[in-house]
Amino acid sequence: MGNSNSRSDSGIDVQNGLSGVSREKLPKTSPTVPITDGVSAANNNAMLKAERSMSRSASGADVTEKYLTQLVPIEKLSEILKEKSAKHGVNGIVSDVFVSQVFPQYADLGKRLFRLMHSASKATTAHLGTMAFRQQCERFLGIMDDEKILECYIKMYAEDDNPEFITKEGVTRLLFICYTIAMQHSGNAVLCPAINRTFGSVTKSIFFSHDNLSVGFVCRWFEQNLIRLVLLVHKYCLHTLTTSYRGLEQQSQSCGIELQTPVLEQRNPFPDAANKDASTSNYESLMPLSQAWLLAGGLPPLFSKPQTIQSPTSNKSSAAQIFKEKLSMMPSHWTLLYDSNDHGLGANRFLHHVLGYRGPTLVLIHTKDDQTYCIASPTEWKETHLYTGGEGSCIIQLFPKFVILEKKPNILYLNTSIRGYPKGVRAGSDPRKPIIAIDEHFEKVDCKGLAAVLIAIEVWGCGDKASRDVQLDIKKWQIKEAERQRTVKLTAADWMDHPDRYLLELGGRTNYNN
């Protein structure tokens, strides 16, 4: 009898408090039998152990005491799902009903979430009891730590037969659900032609030549590079679990919110195969839609914060619209400032299109050996002999592997005119060995100590619309000022003392206006 009765048929150690019944409460609920001899003591222990062994059912639900949930939406959802699961001949909630009613558009995500809750409840049946479902939902909703959330979703996509390891396919599936949810909540529900290339850069960075790796290692990689992608999916799951009962009460399937196109500042600013012209068929942008999504998940929020756009018919945003803005990670406000394929590759072209933009920028660099890097600047670029850049400055390798190389302030450098100092664009905390160094002619680039030929540069502005308007106003003023100085009319008296007159005379040109 001993230790065998201290566990239920699901293998749960009830004494550890997993069922919510503490050790101190159990003796109080047991019959008060005076221990007068060894027999009575043994009977008392047997009754206590028998009560403990029945504190959990095969479906993972508590049966010794009624579990009172503190979340009314979860209680309502569990009752609706229990009623619909009754058609399957079970007293609880089955996976198919949970997926079809709560996650109809993301069936794979729903199956994996139900399997995670089923595994955590230690249930031995294929279904979950109503009380167990409520408990697991509340525990899932109560996860607040970002690292715990990330670990939860990595385990969700781990191998079935070896849950401590995850394969390339598992990571790719996780990336795909992150991408799909982000697209459908940003108004760009399209599949980017470069999505396989984007996903491949992530899996290549994580796995190298391995087929699978431990869940802990993959979690650490996401924490350092792409933690915001997974947090986005968690926000969606939380919202869906707490609001889907509303649609089910009205006899209609619901996935939490209606996936409508939100108000965007502009249509999809990122090029894809569908919007390329025939004249530019050989041109491949450095910022396809999937690449912008991936960068938004790796950069600080100041680069990808959606723009607040008030509805023209209402001054107050609805709850659904507010949630869409929180859930959307697609940076619809990014604007292309400089493209070397259109504006020409050179230092003067770079300065003309980038200087004066008072907002965060992304400088994408592509080399002849098919490597792509990104320099993220949270502040405007300035010509100086000092290293600049505030919090959020970082250097990222985009292809062939996606990895954040360095993230710290004062790592950005731009100088094309100050003598005695290195000229060109540099990025890195060590001035003697910068991670990226572009020469003053914008012809060659040194990436991590390896020289390469520079073939393309793109600069994207990540500030609000006002930042772009200010830059355009400055450029208009500069053009007008140059035109005004070019057409200055001089009188005869002004020309006699003008320095250009003396320069012409020194050059040997005869002056007839003496």
Protein backbone atom coordinates (compact mmCIF):
# COMPACT_ATOMS: atom_id res chain seq x y z
CA MET A 1 0.00 0.00 0.00
CA GLY A 2 2.70 2.53 1.04
CA ASN A 3 3.79 4.81 -1.78
CA SER A 4 1.58 3.28 -4.48
CA ASN A 5 -1.56 4.94 -3.12
CA SER A 6 0.03 8.38 -2.82
CA ARG A 7 -0.28 8.79 -6.60
CA SER A 8 -3.43 8.77 -8.72
CA ASP A 9 -3.90 6.71 -11.86
CA SER A 10 -2.54 9.69 -13.86
CA GLY A 11 0.80 9.46 -12.02
CA ILE A 12 0.49 12.82 -10.22
CA ASP A 13 2.07 13.33 -6.84
CA VAL A 14 -0.91 14.80 -5.05
CA GLN A 15 1.09 15.62 -1.95
CA ASN A 16 3.05 18.24 -3.87
CA GLY A 17 -0.03 20.40 -4.12
CA LEU A 18 -0.66 20.00 -7.89
CA SER A 19 -4.37 19.50 -7.32
CA GLY A 20 -4.70 22.60 -5.21
CA VAL A 21 -5.18 20.65 -1.95
CA SER A 22 -2.52 21.53 0.62
CA ARG A 23 -1.11 19.14 3.14
CA GLU A 24 -2.43 21.14 6.05
CA LYS A 25 -6.04 20.88 4.85
CA LEU A 26 -6.08 17.12 4.36
CA PRO A 27 -5.86 16.06 8.02
CA LYS A 28 -8.73 18.41 8.90
CA THR A 29 -11.07 16.83 6.36
CA SER A 30 -10.22 13.26 7.44
CA PRO A 31 -12.23 11.51 10.17
CA THR A 32 -10.95 12.20 13.69
CA VAL A 33 -10.05 8.69 14.86
CA PRO A 34 -8.21 8.51 18.18
CA ILE A 35 -4.95 6.67 17.76
CA THR A 36 -4.95 4.21 20.65
CA ASP A 37 -2.98 1.37 19.13
CA GLY A 38 -1.09 0.38 15.99
CA VAL A 39 -4.21 -0.94 14.23
CA SER A 40 -6.20 2.27 14.56
CA ALA A 41 -3.21 4.28 13.42
CA ALA A 42 -2.82 2.10 10.34
CA ASN A 43 -6.54 2.44 9.53
CA ASN A 44 -6.33 6.21 9.87
CA ASN A 45 -3.32 6.38 7.52
CA ALA A 46 -5.05 4.11 5.00
CA MET A 47 -8.14 6.35 4.93
CA LEU A 48 -5.98 9.46 4.52
CA LYS A 49 -4.00 7.93 1.64
CA ALA A 50 -7.15 6.71 -0.05
CA GLU A 51 -8.56 10.22 0.06
CA ARG A 52 -5.35 11.62 -1.40
CA SER A 53 -5.31 9.06 -4.19
CA MET A 54 -8.80 10.14 -5.27
CA SER A 55 -8.00 13.86 -5.40
CA ARG A 56 -7.61 13.74 -9.17
CA SER A 57 -9.57 11.95 -11.89
CA ALA A 58 -8.28 10.31 -15.05
CA SER A 59 -9.19 13.41 -17.07
CA GLY A 60 -7.02 15.58 -14.85
CA ALA A 61 -9.87 17.21 -12.92
CA ASP A 62 -10.14 17.68 -9.16
CA VAL A 63 -12.99 15.70 -7.62
CA THR A 64 -12.51 16.14 -3.88
CA GLU A 65 -13.38 19.82 -3.93
CA LYS A 66 -15.10 22.15 -6.35
CA TYR A 67 -12.64 24.32 -8.25
CA LEU A 68 -13.94 27.86 -8.47
CA THR A 69 -12.47 29.79 -11.36
CA GLN A 70 -11.90 33.51 -10.99
CA LEU A 71 -12.26 34.15 -14.73
CA VAL A 72 -15.86 34.22 -15.89
CA PRO A 73 -14.94 34.06 -19.62
CA ILE A 74 -13.04 30.80 -19.07
CA GLU A 75 -15.94 29.33 -17.09
CA LYS A 76 -18.41 30.23 -19.84
CA LEU A 77 -16.10 28.88 -22.54
CA SER A 78 -15.61 25.58 -20.71
CA GLU A 79 -19.36 25.06 -20.32
CA ILE A 80 -19.98 25.73 -24.01
CA LEU A 81 -17.21 23.38 -25.10
CA LYS A 82 -18.39 20.71 -22.65
CA GLU A 83 -21.88 20.87 -24.10
CA LYS A 84 -20.56 20.56 -27.65
CA SER A 85 -18.22 17.72 -26.65
CA ALA A 86 -21.15 15.71 -25.27
CA LYS A 87 -21.89 14.61 -28.83
CA HIS A 88 -18.64 12.63 -28.71
CA GLY A 89 -19.88 10.68 -25.68
CA VAL A 90 -17.46 12.19 -23.11
CA ASN A 91 -17.96 14.19 -19.96
CA GLY A 92 -15.39 16.86 -20.68
CA ILE A 93 -13.74 18.69 -23.60
CA VAL A 94 -12.21 16.98 -26.62
CA SER A 95 -9.46 18.36 -28.83
CA ASP A 96 -11.52 18.52 -32.05
CA VAL A 97 -14.22 20.67 -30.46
CA PHE A 98 -11.66 23.00 -28.88
CA VAL A 99 -9.86 23.51 -32.18
CA SER A 100 -12.96 23.93 -34.38
CA GLN A 101 -14.72 26.33 -32.01
CA VAL A 102 -11.87 28.42 -30.57
CA PHE A 103 -9.13 28.29 -33.23
CA PRO A 104 -10.94 27.61 -36.52
CA GLN A 105 -8.45 29.59 -38.63
CA TYR A 106 -5.33 28.27 -36.92
CA ALA A 107 -6.05 24.58 -36.43
CA ASP A 108 -2.43 23.57 -35.94
CA LEU A 109 -1.94 26.19 -33.22
CA GLY A 110 -5.15 25.08 -31.49
CA LYS A 111 -4.13 21.39 -31.52
CA ARG A 112 -0.74 22.16 -30.06
CA LEU A 113 -2.19 24.39 -27.35
CA PHE A 114 -4.70 21.71 -26.33
CA ARG A 115 -1.94 19.09 -26.31
CA LEU A 116 0.16 21.35 -24.07
CA MET A 117 -2.69 21.76 -21.57
CA HIS A 118 -3.49 18.04 -21.73
CA SER A 119 0.13 17.15 -20.99
CA ALA A 120 0.35 19.66 -18.12
CA SER A 121 -2.80 18.22 -16.50
CA LYS A 122 -1.34 14.67 -16.51
CA ALA A 123 -4.67 13.33 -17.76
CA THR A 124 -4.77 9.68 -18.85
CA THR A 125 -7.86 10.09 -21.02
CA ALA A 126 -7.96 11.59 -24.50
CA HIS A 127 -10.20 14.42 -23.30
CA LEU A 128 -9.84 17.05 -20.58
CA GLY A 129 -12.25 17.38 -17.69
CA THR A 130 -14.05 20.68 -17.33
CA MET A 131 -12.27 21.56 -14.09
CA ALA A 132 -8.88 20.56 -15.53
CA PHE A 133 -9.53 22.70 -18.61
CA ARG A 134 -10.30 25.72 -16.44
CA GLN A 135 -7.21 25.16 -14.32
CA GLN A 136 -4.90 24.87 -17.31
CA CYS A 137 -6.41 27.90 -19.03
CA GLU A 138 -5.93 30.03 -15.94
CA ARG A 139 -2.36 28.84 -15.56
CA PHE A 140 -1.70 29.61 -19.22
CA LEU A 141 -3.24 33.07 -18.88
CA GLY A 142 -1.24 33.69 -15.71
CA ILE A 143 2.19 33.37 -17.38
CA MET A 144 3.72 36.83 -17.19
CA ASP A 145 7.46 36.27 -17.68
CA ASP A 146 8.61 36.66 -21.29
CA GLU A 147 11.13 33.84 -20.98
CA LYS A 148 8.47 31.45 -19.65
CA ILE A 149 6.13 32.42 -22.49
CA LEU A 150 8.84 31.77 -25.05
CA GLU A 151 9.71 28.40 -23.53
CA CYS A 152 6.03 27.44 -23.54
CA TYR A 153 5.70 27.98 -27.30
CA ILE A 154 9.03 26.36 -28.16
CA LYS A 155 7.87 23.25 -26.27
CA MET A 156 4.56 23.47 -28.09
CA TYR A 157 6.37 22.94 -31.41
CA ALA A 158 8.92 20.41 -30.13
CA GLU A 159 9.14 16.81 -31.31
CA ASP A 160 6.23 14.55 -30.37
CA ASP A 161 8.37 11.60 -29.32
CA ASN A 162 11.15 13.73 -27.80
CA PRO A 163 9.65 16.89 -26.24
CA GLU A 164 13.03 18.16 -25.02
CA PHE A 165 14.25 18.70 -28.61
CA ILE A 166 12.95 20.70 -31.55
CA THR A 167 13.71 20.27 -35.26
CA LYS A 168 14.10 22.72 -38.14
CA GLU A 169 10.57 21.87 -39.24
CA GLY A 170 9.23 22.73 -35.79
CA VAL A 171 10.92 26.14 -35.80
CA THR A 172 9.69 26.77 -39.35
CA ARG A 173 6.11 25.96 -38.29
CA LEU A 174 6.43 28.35 -35.35
CA LEU A 175 7.75 31.10 -37.62
CA PHE A 176 4.94 30.49 -40.09
CA ILE A 177 2.17 30.87 -37.49
CA CYS A 178 3.87 34.05 -36.21
CA TYR A 179 4.01 35.42 -39.76
CA THR A 180 0.41 34.44 -40.59
CA ILE A 181 -1.08 36.07 -37.50
CA ALA A 182 0.99 39.23 -38.00
CA MET A 183 -0.05 39.51 -41.65
CA GLN A 184 -3.77 38.96 -41.09
CA HIS A 185 -3.86 41.60 -38.36
CA SER A 186 -1.97 44.22 -40.36
CA GLY A 187 -4.03 44.23 -43.54
CA ASN A 188 -1.31 42.50 -45.60
CA ALA A 189 -2.67 38.95 -45.68
CA VAL A 190 -0.36 37.88 -48.49
CA LEU A 191 2.34 35.24 -48.77
CA CYS A 192 5.69 36.86 -49.53
CA PRO A 193 7.65 35.16 -52.35
CA ALA A 194 10.82 35.51 -50.26
CA ILE A 195 9.36 33.79 -47.19
CA ASN A 196 11.41 30.60 -47.63
CA ARG A 197 14.60 32.63 -47.89
CA THR A 198 13.65 34.56 -44.74
CA PHE A 199 12.78 31.45 -42.73
CA GLY A 200 15.94 29.76 -44.00
CA SER A 201 18.14 32.53 -42.63
CA VAL A 202 16.67 31.91 -39.16
CA THR A 203 16.94 28.11 -39.18
CA LYS A 204 20.47 28.28 -40.60
CA SER A 205 21.51 30.62 -37.80
CA ILE A 206 19.99 28.37 -35.12
CA PHE A 207 20.80 24.86 -36.29
CA PHE A 208 23.92 25.23 -38.48
CA SER A 209 24.42 21.62 -39.58
CA HIS A 210 22.29 20.00 -36.85
CA ASP A 211 18.91 18.42 -37.51
CA ASN A 212 17.55 19.13 -34.04
CA LEU A 213 18.62 20.99 -30.91
CA SER A 214 17.50 21.21 -27.31
CA VAL A 215 14.53 23.38 -26.41
CA GLY A 216 16.69 25.37 -23.99
CA PHE A 217 19.24 26.30 -26.67
CA VAL A 218 16.56 27.44 -29.12
CA CYS A 219 14.88 29.47 -26.37
CA ARG A 220 18.14 31.30 -25.64
CA TRP A 221 18.56 32.11 -29.33
CA PHE A 222 15.06 33.57 -29.61
CA GLU A 223 15.58 35.56 -26.42
CA GLN A 224 18.63 37.22 -27.94
CA ASN A 225 17.28 37.78 -31.45
CA LEU A 226 13.51 37.38 -32.03
CA ILE A 227 11.59 37.23 -28.75
CA ARG A 228 8.93 39.70 -29.89
CA LEU A 229 7.69 37.40 -32.65
CA VAL A 230 6.51 34.75 -30.18
CA LEU A 231 5.06 37.29 -27.74
CA LEU A 232 2.78 38.44 -30.55
CA VAL A 233 1.28 34.95 -30.87
CA HIS A 234 0.79 34.77 -27.11
CA LYS A 235 -1.19 38.01 -27.16
CA TYR A 236 -3.45 36.53 -29.79
CA CYS A 237 -3.99 33.31 -27.82
CA LEU A 238 -4.82 35.23 -24.65
CA HIS A 239 -7.34 37.39 -26.45
CA THR A 240 -8.92 34.41 -28.17
CA LEU A 241 -9.32 32.33 -25.00
CA THR A 242 -10.95 35.19 -23.11
CA THR A 243 -13.30 36.46 -25.83
CA SER A 244 -14.26 33.52 -28.05
CA TYR A 245 -17.19 32.57 -25.80
CA ARG A 246 -19.07 35.63 -27.05
CA GLY A 247 -19.28 34.34 -30.60
CA LEU A 248 -20.07 30.83 -29.42
CA GLU A 249 -22.96 32.07 -27.31
CA GLN A 250 -24.42 33.56 -30.49
CA GLN A 251 -24.11 30.18 -32.24
CA SER A 252 -21.31 31.40 -34.51
CA GLN A 253 -17.70 30.31 -34.68
CA SER A 254 -15.22 32.85 -33.51
CA CYS A 255 -11.46 33.18 -33.49
CA GLY A 256 -11.38 36.00 -30.94
CA ILE A 257 -11.66 39.01 -33.26
CA GLU A 258 -12.74 39.71 -36.78
CA LEU A 259 -9.74 39.86 -39.06
CA GLN A 260 -10.53 43.04 -40.89
CA THR A 261 -8.07 45.35 -42.59
CA PRO A 262 -7.11 48.16 -40.18
CA VAL A 263 -6.57 51.75 -41.23
CA LEU A 264 -3.04 52.01 -42.60
CA GLU A 265 -1.02 55.10 -43.44
CA GLN A 266 -0.25 53.63 -46.84
CA ARG A 267 -0.66 50.42 -48.74
CA ASN A 268 1.99 47.71 -48.39
CA PRO A 269 5.23 49.70 -48.86
CA PHE A 270 7.36 46.60 -49.25
CA PRO A 271 7.85 45.22 -52.77
CA ASP A 272 7.04 41.69 -53.82
CA ALA A 273 6.80 39.73 -57.02
CA ALA A 274 3.25 40.88 -57.64
CA ASN A 275 4.03 44.60 -57.88
CA LYS A 276 7.28 44.54 -59.87
CA ASP A 277 7.33 46.16 -63.26
CA ALA A 278 8.68 44.41 -66.32
CA SER A 279 11.44 46.99 -66.57
CA THR A 280 12.68 46.06 -63.10
CA SER A 281 12.34 42.31 -63.36
CA ASN A 282 16.01 41.80 -62.51
CA TYR A 283 15.79 43.98 -59.43
CA GLU A 284 15.33 42.36 -56.05
CA SER A 285 14.58 44.61 -53.13
CA LEU A 286 16.57 44.19 -49.94
CA MET A 287 13.36 44.64 -47.93
CA PRO A 288 10.66 42.18 -49.02
CA LEU A 289 7.57 41.85 -46.86
CA SER A 290 8.82 38.85 -44.90
CA GLN A 291 12.14 40.56 -44.20
CA ALA A 292 10.37 43.63 -42.83
CA TRP A 293 8.31 41.39 -40.55
CA LEU A 294 11.41 39.61 -39.27
CA LEU A 295 13.25 42.87 -38.64
CA ALA A 296 10.27 44.25 -36.75
CA GLY A 297 10.47 41.25 -34.43
CA GLY A 298 14.18 41.68 -33.75
CA LEU A 299 14.43 45.46 -33.44
CA PRO A 300 13.35 47.55 -30.44
CA PRO A 301 9.69 48.67 -30.46
CA LEU A 302 10.59 52.26 -31.42
CA PHE A 303 11.34 51.07 -34.98
CA SER A 304 8.10 49.15 -35.55
CA LYS A 305 5.55 50.97 -33.40
CA PRO A 306 2.36 51.27 -35.49
CA GLN A 307 1.17 54.75 -36.26
CA THR A 308 -1.81 56.05 -34.35
CA ILE A 309 -4.41 56.99 -36.95
CA GLN A 310 -7.77 58.25 -35.78
CA SER A 311 -10.85 57.11 -37.59
CA PRO A 312 -12.40 59.96 -39.59
CA THR A 313 -15.86 59.10 -38.24
CA SER A 314 -14.98 58.69 -34.58
CA ASN A 315 -12.56 60.17 -32.09
CA LYS A 316 -12.48 57.00 -30.01
CA SER A 317 -11.06 53.70 -31.17
CA SER A 318 -13.01 50.53 -30.50
CA ALA A 319 -11.62 47.74 -28.34
CA ALA A 320 -11.09 45.56 -31.42
CA GLN A 321 -9.18 48.33 -33.21
CA ILE A 322 -6.97 48.92 -30.16
CA PHE A 323 -6.19 45.20 -30.01
CA LYS A 324 -5.33 45.13 -33.71
CA GLU A 325 -2.87 47.98 -33.20
CA LYS A 326 -1.27 46.10 -30.31
CA LEU A 327 -1.18 42.84 -32.24
CA SER A 328 0.03 44.24 -35.54
CA MET A 329 3.78 44.16 -35.90
CA MET A 330 3.96 45.04 -39.57
CA PRO A 331 5.56 48.49 -39.88
CA SER A 332 3.24 50.09 -42.42
CA HIS A 333 4.78 53.51 -41.65
CA TRP A 334 8.26 52.64 -42.95
CA THR A 335 9.20 54.67 -46.01
CA LEU A 336 12.04 54.22 -48.50
CA LEU A 337 14.43 57.18 -48.29
CA TYR A 338 17.27 56.00 -50.49
CA ASP A 339 17.64 53.18 -53.02
CA SER A 340 20.99 52.94 -54.81
CA ASN A 341 19.33 51.14 -57.76
CA ASP A 342 17.16 54.20 -58.42
CA HIS A 343 19.15 57.12 -56.98
CA GLY A 344 22.67 55.95 -57.77
CA LEU A 345 25.36 54.45 -55.56
CA GLY A 346 27.64 57.09 -54.05
CA ALA A 347 28.42 59.06 -50.92
CA ASN A 348 26.81 62.28 -52.17
CA ARG A 349 23.63 60.44 -53.16
CA PHE A 350 23.50 58.79 -49.73
CA LEU A 351 23.94 62.10 -47.91
CA HIS A 352 21.39 63.89 -50.07
CA HIS A 353 18.59 61.41 -49.35
CA VAL A 354 19.38 60.49 -45.74
CA LEU A 355 20.60 63.64 -43.96
CA GLY A 356 17.82 65.74 -42.52
CA TYR A 357 15.53 62.81 -41.70
CA ARG A 358 14.91 63.23 -37.98
CA GLY A 359 13.80 59.75 -37.07
CA PRO A 360 15.02 56.14 -36.76
CA THR A 361 16.50 54.63 -39.92
CA LEU A 362 17.56 51.24 -41.24
CA VAL A 363 20.53 51.03 -43.61
CA LEU A 364 20.52 47.78 -45.59
CA ILE A 365 23.82 46.79 -47.23
CA HIS A 366 24.15 44.08 -49.88
CA THR A 367 27.48 42.73 -51.14
CA LYS A 368 28.51 40.88 -54.28
CA ASP A 369 28.95 37.61 -52.37
CA ASP A 370 25.22 37.68 -51.44
CA GLN A 371 25.51 38.88 -47.86
CA THR A 372 23.07 41.37 -46.41
CA TYR A 373 23.52 43.48 -43.28
CA CYS A 374 21.40 46.05 -41.50
CA ILE A 375 22.54 49.07 -39.47
CA ALA A 376 19.73 50.32 -37.23
CA SER A 377 20.00 53.91 -36.03
CA PRO A 378 17.40 55.19 -33.51
CA THR A 379 18.35 58.80 -34.23
CA GLU A 380 19.09 60.85 -37.33
CA TRP A 381 22.42 60.53 -39.13
CA LYS A 382 24.93 63.39 -38.76
CA GLU A 383 28.34 63.99 -40.26
CA THR A 384 30.86 64.04 -37.43
CA HIS A 385 34.21 62.60 -36.39
CA LEU A 386 32.59 61.05 -33.30
CA TYR A 387 30.66 57.82 -32.86
CA THR A 388 26.95 58.46 -32.33
CA GLY A 389 23.74 56.47 -31.86
CA GLY A 390 21.44 56.18 -28.86
CA GLU A 391 19.89 53.20 -27.11
CA GLY A 392 18.57 50.79 -29.69
CA SER A 393 21.49 51.10 -32.10
CA CYS A 394 22.33 47.68 -33.44
CA ILE A 395 24.00 45.76 -36.27
CA ILE A 396 22.19 42.75 -37.75
CA GLN A 397 23.23 40.20 -40.31
CA LEU A 398 20.16 39.38 -42.40
CA PHE A 399 21.51 36.86 -44.87
CA PRO A 400 22.69 34.12 -45.15
CA LYS A 401 22.12 33.91 -41.37
CA PHE A 402 19.90 36.13 -39.26
CA VAL A 403 21.70 37.18 -36.09
CA ILE A 404 22.09 40.37 -34.08
CA LEU A 405 25.83 41.08 -34.11
CA GLU A 406 25.94 44.01 -31.68
CA LYS A 407 23.47 46.16 -29.80
CA LYS A 408 24.70 49.13 -27.79
CA PRO A 409 24.79 52.96 -28.03
CA ASN A 410 27.50 55.01 -29.75
CA ILE A 411 28.44 52.50 -32.44
CA LEU A 412 27.54 54.53 -35.58
CA TYR A 413 29.94 56.73 -37.57
CA LEU A 414 29.50 58.93 -40.66
CA ASN A 415 32.19 61.22 -42.09
CA THR A 416 32.80 62.29 -45.68
CA SER A 417 34.45 65.71 -45.31
CA ILE A 418 36.38 66.09 -42.02
CA ARG A 419 40.08 65.68 -42.66
CA GLY A 420 42.33 63.63 -40.42
CA TYR A 421 39.64 61.10 -39.57
CA PRO A 422 38.46 57.92 -41.32
CA LYS A 423 35.93 58.60 -44.05
CA GLY A 424 32.86 56.61 -44.93
CA VAL A 425 30.20 54.81 -42.90
CA ARG A 426 31.17 52.61 -39.97
CA ALA A 427 29.35 50.57 -37.36
CA GLY A 428 30.81 48.85 -34.30
CA SER A 429 31.95 49.61 -30.78
CA ASP A 430 35.67 49.13 -31.60
CA PRO A 431 36.87 52.02 -33.81
CA ARG A 432 39.96 50.02 -34.80
CA LYS A 433 37.98 46.98 -35.93
CA PRO A 434 34.41 48.00 -36.80
CA ILE A 435 31.98 45.27 -37.75
CA ILE A 436 30.97 47.13 -40.92
CA ALA A 437 33.05 49.76 -42.71
CA ILE A 438 32.05 51.35 -46.05
CA ASP A 439 34.76 53.33 -47.85
CA GLU A 440 34.34 56.98 -48.77
CA HIS A 441 33.56 56.17 -52.42
CA PHE A 442 30.84 53.62 -51.51
CA GLU A 443 32.52 50.99 -53.64
CA LYS A 444 33.84 48.50 -51.08
CA VAL A 445 32.66 47.33 -47.68
CA ASP A 446 34.47 45.46 -44.94
CA CYS A 447 32.13 43.05 -43.09
CA LYS A 448 33.55 41.41 -39.96
CA GLY A 449 37.07 41.74 -41.31
CA LEU A 450 36.28 40.39 -44.79
CA ALA A 451 36.45 42.75 -47.78
CA ALA A 452 33.59 42.65 -50.27
CA VAL A 453 32.24 44.64 -53.20
CA LEU A 454 29.27 46.85 -52.36
CA ILE A 455 26.49 46.54 -54.94
CA ALA A 456 23.35 47.97 -53.28
CA ILE A 457 22.21 50.11 -50.35
CA GLU A 458 18.71 50.88 -49.15
CA VAL A 459 17.78 53.28 -46.36
CA TRP A 460 14.34 53.04 -44.76
CA GLY A 461 12.90 55.72 -42.51
CA CYS A 462 11.11 54.34 -39.45
CA GLY A 463 9.84 57.58 -37.94
CA ASP A 464 6.40 59.06 -38.13
CA LYS A 465 5.00 60.95 -41.10
CA ALA A 466 6.08 64.27 -39.58
CA SER A 467 9.75 63.23 -39.76
CA ARG A 468 9.49 62.68 -43.48
CA ASP A 469 7.58 65.93 -44.00
CA VAL A 470 10.25 67.91 -42.17
CA GLN A 471 12.99 66.39 -44.32
CA LEU A 472 11.08 67.19 -47.53
CA ASP A 473 10.50 70.78 -46.37
CA ILE A 474 14.23 71.20 -45.71
CA LYS A 475 15.07 69.89 -49.18
CA LYS A 476 12.55 72.24 -50.80
CA TRP A 477 14.08 75.18 -48.94
CA GLN A 478 17.59 74.14 -50.04
CA ILE A 479 16.49 73.95 -53.68
CA LYS A 480 14.84 77.36 -53.53
CA GLU A 481 17.87 78.87 -51.81
CA ALA A 482 20.25 77.47 -54.44
CA GLU A 483 18.03 78.79 -57.22
CA ARG A 484 17.85 82.21 -55.59
CA GLN A 485 21.62 82.45 -55.28
CA ARG A 486 22.06 81.29 -58.87
CA THR A 487 19.92 84.15 -60.21
CA VAL A 488 21.26 87.05 -58.13
CA LYS A 489 21.27 90.30 -60.10
CA LEU A 490 24.25 92.54 -59.55
CA THR A 491 24.49 96.24 -60.26
CA ALA A 492 27.56 97.78 -61.85
CA ALA A 493 28.69 99.14 -58.49
CA ASP A 494 28.33 95.71 -56.83
CA TRP A 495 30.28 94.04 -59.63
CA MET A 496 33.29 96.33 -59.18
CA ASP A 497 33.84 94.99 -55.63
CA HIS A 498 32.65 91.44 -56.24
CA PRO A 499 35.31 88.72 -55.59
CA ASP A 500 34.33 86.86 -58.80
CA ARG A 501 35.57 89.84 -60.85
CA TYR A 502 39.07 89.54 -59.42
CA LEU A 503 39.08 85.77 -60.02
CA LEU A 504 38.22 86.34 -63.68
CA GLU A 505 40.99 88.90 -64.04
CA LEU A 506 43.50 86.53 -62.46
CA GLY A 507 42.43 83.90 -64.96
CA GLY A 508 43.26 86.24 -67.84
CA ARG A 509 39.74 87.14 -68.86
CA THR A 510 39.38 90.72 -70.11
CA ASN A 511 36.88 92.82 -68.22
CA TYR A 512 35.02 95.39 -70.36
CA ASN A 513 33.02 97.00 -67.59
CA ASN A 514 35.77 99.16 -66.05
